C-alpha atoms as a PDB file:
ATOM      1  CA  LEU A   1      24.570  -3.947   9.639  1.00  0.00           C
ATOM      2  CA  LYS A   2      27.871  -5.923  10.666  1.00  0.00           C
ATOM      3  CA  LYS A   3      26.228  -8.623  12.456  1.00  0.00           C
ATOM      4  CA  TYR A   4      23.717  -9.206   9.777  1.00  0.00           C
ATOM      5  CA  VAL A   5      26.713  -9.130   7.141  1.00  0.00           C
ATOM      6  CA  SER A   6      27.904 -12.459   5.921  1.00  0.00           C
ATOM      7  CA  LYS A   7      31.386 -13.258   7.584  1.00  0.00           C
ATOM      8  CA  LYS A   8      32.665 -15.640   4.537  1.00  0.00           C
ATOM      9  CA  ASP A   9      30.605 -14.189   1.199  1.00  0.00           C
ATOM     10  CA  ASN A  10      29.946 -10.788  -0.014  1.00  0.00           C
ATOM     11  CA  THR A  11      26.449  -9.707   0.897  1.00  0.00           C
ATOM     12  CA  LEU A  12      23.790  -7.424  -1.395  1.00  0.00           C
ATOM     13  CA  ILE A  13      22.504  -4.436   0.548  1.00  0.00           C
ATOM     14  CA  ILE A  14      19.419  -3.212  -1.337  1.00  0.00           C
ATOM     15  CA  PHE A  15      17.896   0.229  -0.165  1.00  0.00           C
ATOM     16  CA  TRP A  16      14.110   0.374  -0.818  1.00  0.00           C
ATOM     17  CA  ALA A  17      10.947   1.740   0.278  1.00  0.00           C
ATOM     18  CA  SER A  18       7.474   0.557  -0.522  1.00  0.00           C
ATOM     19  CA  TRP A  19       6.665   4.336  -1.551  1.00  0.00           C
ATOM     20  CA  CYS A  20       9.092   4.542  -4.345  1.00  0.00           C
ATOM     21  CA  SER A  21       7.604   3.456  -7.805  1.00  0.00           C
ATOM     22  CA  THR A  22      10.805   2.240  -9.336  1.00  0.00           C
ATOM     23  CA  CYS A  23      11.730  -0.124  -6.064  1.00  0.00           C
ATOM     24  CA  ILE A  24       7.974  -1.564  -6.383  1.00  0.00           C
ATOM     25  CA  GLU A  25       8.618  -2.071  -9.919  1.00  0.00           C
ATOM     26  CA  GLU A  26      12.206  -4.096  -9.184  1.00  0.00           C
ATOM     27  CA  SER A  27      10.026  -6.111  -6.378  1.00  0.00           C
ATOM     28  CA  GLU A  28       9.656  -8.914  -8.427  1.00  0.00           C
ATOM     29  CA  GLN A  29      12.747  -9.425 -10.110  1.00  0.00           C
ATOM     30  CA  LEU A  30      14.271  -8.662  -6.620  1.00  0.00           C
ATOM     31  CA  ASN A  31      11.686 -11.636  -4.994  1.00  0.00           C
ATOM     32  CA  ASN A  32      12.706 -14.100  -7.608  1.00  0.00           C
ATOM     33  CA  PHE A  33      15.937 -13.225  -7.011  1.00  0.00           C
ATOM     34  CA  MET A  34      16.241 -14.450  -3.569  1.00  0.00           C
ATOM     35  CA  ILE A  35      13.953 -17.589  -4.595  1.00  0.00           C
ATOM     36  CA  ASN A  36      16.155 -18.699  -6.696  1.00  0.00           C
ATOM     37  CA  ASN A  37      19.817 -17.985  -5.111  1.00  0.00           C
ATOM     38  CA  PRO A  38      18.942 -18.922  -1.505  1.00  0.00           C
ATOM     39  CA  ASN A  39      22.671 -19.076  -0.645  1.00  0.00           C
ATOM     40  CA  ILE A  40      23.356 -15.216  -1.702  1.00  0.00           C
ATOM     41  CA  PRO A  41      23.578 -12.883   1.646  1.00  0.00           C
ATOM     42  CA  ILE A  42      20.795 -10.592   1.041  1.00  0.00           C
ATOM     43  CA  ILE A  43      19.534  -7.546   3.185  1.00  0.00           C
ATOM     44  CA  ILE A  44      16.873  -5.299   2.582  1.00  0.00           C
ATOM     45  CA  VAL A  45      17.001  -2.050   4.239  1.00  0.00           C
ATOM     46  CA  SER A  46      13.861  -0.407   3.996  1.00  0.00           C
ATOM     47  CA  HIS A  47      13.307   3.823   3.631  1.00  0.00           C
ATOM     48  CA  ASP A  48       9.591   3.621   4.584  1.00  0.00           C
ATOM     49  CA  LYS A  49       8.253   6.002   7.396  1.00  0.00           C
ATOM     50  CA  ASN A  50       7.113   3.337   9.236  1.00  0.00           C
ATOM     51  CA  ILE A  51       6.544  -0.137   9.967  1.00  0.00           C
ATOM     52  CA  SER A  52       2.958  -0.981   9.105  1.00  0.00           C
ATOM     53  CA  ASP A  53       3.584   0.329   5.394  1.00  0.00           C
ATOM     54  CA  LEU A  54       6.641  -1.615   5.040  1.00  0.00           C
ATOM     55  CA  GLN A  55       4.827  -5.109   6.628  1.00  0.00           C
ATOM     56  CA  ASN A  56       1.648  -4.361   4.554  1.00  0.00           C
ATOM     57  CA  TYR A  57       4.053  -3.979   1.120  1.00  0.00           C
ATOM     58  CA  LEU A  58       5.479  -7.152   2.448  1.00  0.00           C
ATOM     59  CA  SER A  59       2.112  -8.997   3.527  1.00  0.00           C
ATOM     60  CA  ILE A  60       0.129  -8.220   0.020  1.00  0.00           C
ATOM     61  CA  ASN A  61       2.834  -9.206  -2.263  1.00  0.00           C
ATOM     62  CA  ASN A  62       3.828 -12.416  -0.134  1.00  0.00           C
ATOM     63  CA  TYR A  63       7.399 -11.439   0.022  1.00  0.00           C
ATOM     64  CA  ASN A  64       9.013 -13.128   2.917  1.00  0.00           C
ATOM     65  CA  TRP A  65      12.364 -10.498   2.755  1.00  0.00           C
ATOM     66  CA  PHE A  66      14.420  -9.966   5.598  1.00  0.00           C
ATOM     67  CA  VAL A  67      14.194  -6.139   6.146  1.00  0.00           C
ATOM     68  CA  ILE A  68      15.565  -3.478   8.423  1.00  0.00           C
ATOM     69  CA  LEU A  69      13.581  -0.469   8.783  1.00  0.00           C
ATOM     70  CA  ASP A  70      15.946   2.351   8.610  1.00  0.00           C
ATOM     71  CA  THR A  71      13.435   5.864   8.775  1.00  0.00           C
ATOM     72  CA  GLU A  72      16.721   7.914   9.733  1.00  0.00           C
ATOM     73  CA  LYS A  73      18.599   6.371   6.313  1.00  0.00           C
ATOM     74  CA  SER A  74      21.549   5.841   8.892  1.00  0.00           C
ATOM     75  CA  ILE A  75      22.557   2.978   7.590  1.00  0.00           C
ATOM     76  CA  ARG A  76      23.139   3.755   3.958  1.00  0.00           C
ATOM     77  CA  GLU A  77      24.648   6.935   5.083  1.00  0.00           C
ATOM     78  CA  ASN A  78      27.426   5.078   7.220  1.00  0.00           C
ATOM     79  CA  ILE A  79      28.106   2.892   4.109  1.00  0.00           C
ATOM     80  CA  ASP A  80      28.314   5.651   1.621  1.00  0.00           C
ATOM     81  CA  ASN A  81      28.070   9.265   2.979  1.00  0.00           C
ATOM     82  CA  GLY A  82      26.294  11.447   0.646  1.00  0.00           C
ATOM     83  CA  SER A  83      24.271   8.715  -1.629  1.00  0.00           C
ATOM     84  CA  LYS A  84      20.943   9.409  -2.434  1.00  0.00           C
ATOM     85  CA  GLY A  85      18.230   7.722  -4.316  1.00  0.00           C
ATOM     86  CA  ILE A  86      16.729   4.080  -4.339  1.00  0.00           C
ATOM     87  CA  PRO A  87      16.560   1.501  -5.267  1.00  0.00           C
ATOM     88  CA  ALA A  88      20.306   1.276  -4.280  1.00  0.00           C
ATOM     89  CA  THR A  89      22.013  -1.751  -4.723  1.00  0.00           C
ATOM     90  CA  TYR A  90      25.591  -2.238  -2.936  1.00  0.00           C
ATOM     91  CA  LEU A  91      27.706  -5.522  -2.823  1.00  0.00           C
ATOM     92  CA  LEU A  92      29.386  -5.278   0.236  1.00  0.00           C
ATOM     93  CA  ASP A  93      32.567  -7.427   1.723  1.00  0.00           C
ATOM     94  CA  ASN A  94      32.379  -8.508   5.459  1.00  0.00           C
ATOM     95  CA  ASN A  95      34.177  -5.423   6.274  1.00  0.00           C
ATOM     96  CA  LEU A  96      31.977  -3.185   4.785  1.00  0.00           C
ATOM     97  CA  ASN A  97      33.645  -1.970   2.086  1.00  0.00           C
ATOM     98  CA  ILE A  98      31.845  -1.224  -0.984  1.00  0.00           C
ATOM     99  CA  LEU A  99      32.814  -3.822  -4.121  1.00  0.00           C
ATOM    100  CA  SER A 100      30.241  -2.488  -6.346  1.00  0.00           C
ATOM    101  CA  LYS A 101      27.097  -0.115  -6.483  1.00  0.00           C
ATOM    102  CA  THR A 102      24.340   1.054  -8.696  1.00  0.00           C
ATOM    103  CA  THR A 103      20.942   3.063  -8.181  1.00  0.00           C
ATOM    104  CA  ASP A 104      19.788   1.294 -11.712  1.00  0.00           C
ATOM    105  CA  THR A 105      16.557  -0.643 -11.364  1.00  0.00           C
ATOM    106  CA  MET A 106      17.641  -4.429 -12.047  1.00  0.00           C
ATOM    107  CA  THR A 107      16.146  -7.414 -13.094  1.00  0.00           C
ATOM    108  CA  GLU A 108      16.566 -10.914 -11.954  1.00  0.00           C
ATOM    109  CA  GLU A 109      19.204 -12.097 -14.140  1.00  0.00           C
ATOM    110  CA  GLU A 110      20.949  -8.495 -13.621  1.00  0.00           C
ATOM    111  CA  PHE A 111      21.056  -9.082  -9.644  1.00  0.00           C
ATOM    112  CA  PHE A 112      23.027 -12.312 -10.418  1.00  0.00           C
ATOM    113  CA  ASN A 113      25.407 -10.721 -12.550  1.00  0.00           C
ATOM    114  CA  PHE A 114      25.753  -7.708 -10.345  1.00  0.00           C
ATOM    115  CA  TYR A 115      26.363 -10.309  -7.573  1.00  0.00           C
ATOM    116  CA  ASN A 116      28.980 -12.602  -9.060  1.00  0.00           C
ATOM    117  CA  LEU A 117      30.992  -9.993 -11.035  1.00  0.00           C
ATOM    118  CA  ILE A 118      33.491  -9.842  -7.826  1.00  0.00           C
ATOM    119  CA  LYS A 119      34.854 -12.930  -6.803  1.00  0.00           C
END
């Protein structure tokens, strides 16, 4: 994950899955946020069980997201040991320190405010 995190800005890491109903509810808002804020570093980490489920969901919805498939949930475990629940959004600095986190479903505006809360 370290190689994908921005060297100069904080990075949003969103843990998500195509089988998660609240993740699906949030997807359009997340997609709009990504389109309208192309300079904000965002990484989606999918907890889908296989790549085809993930690819099908992204394709059907025309989402052009950078996604890391993590079926074992090891990325989140390394960032925030013992944490559970998706969707989950983390704001990390370039050393993978957690600046803020939430398991609330967010709107486009809430994603923006969450990212800009700590500057």
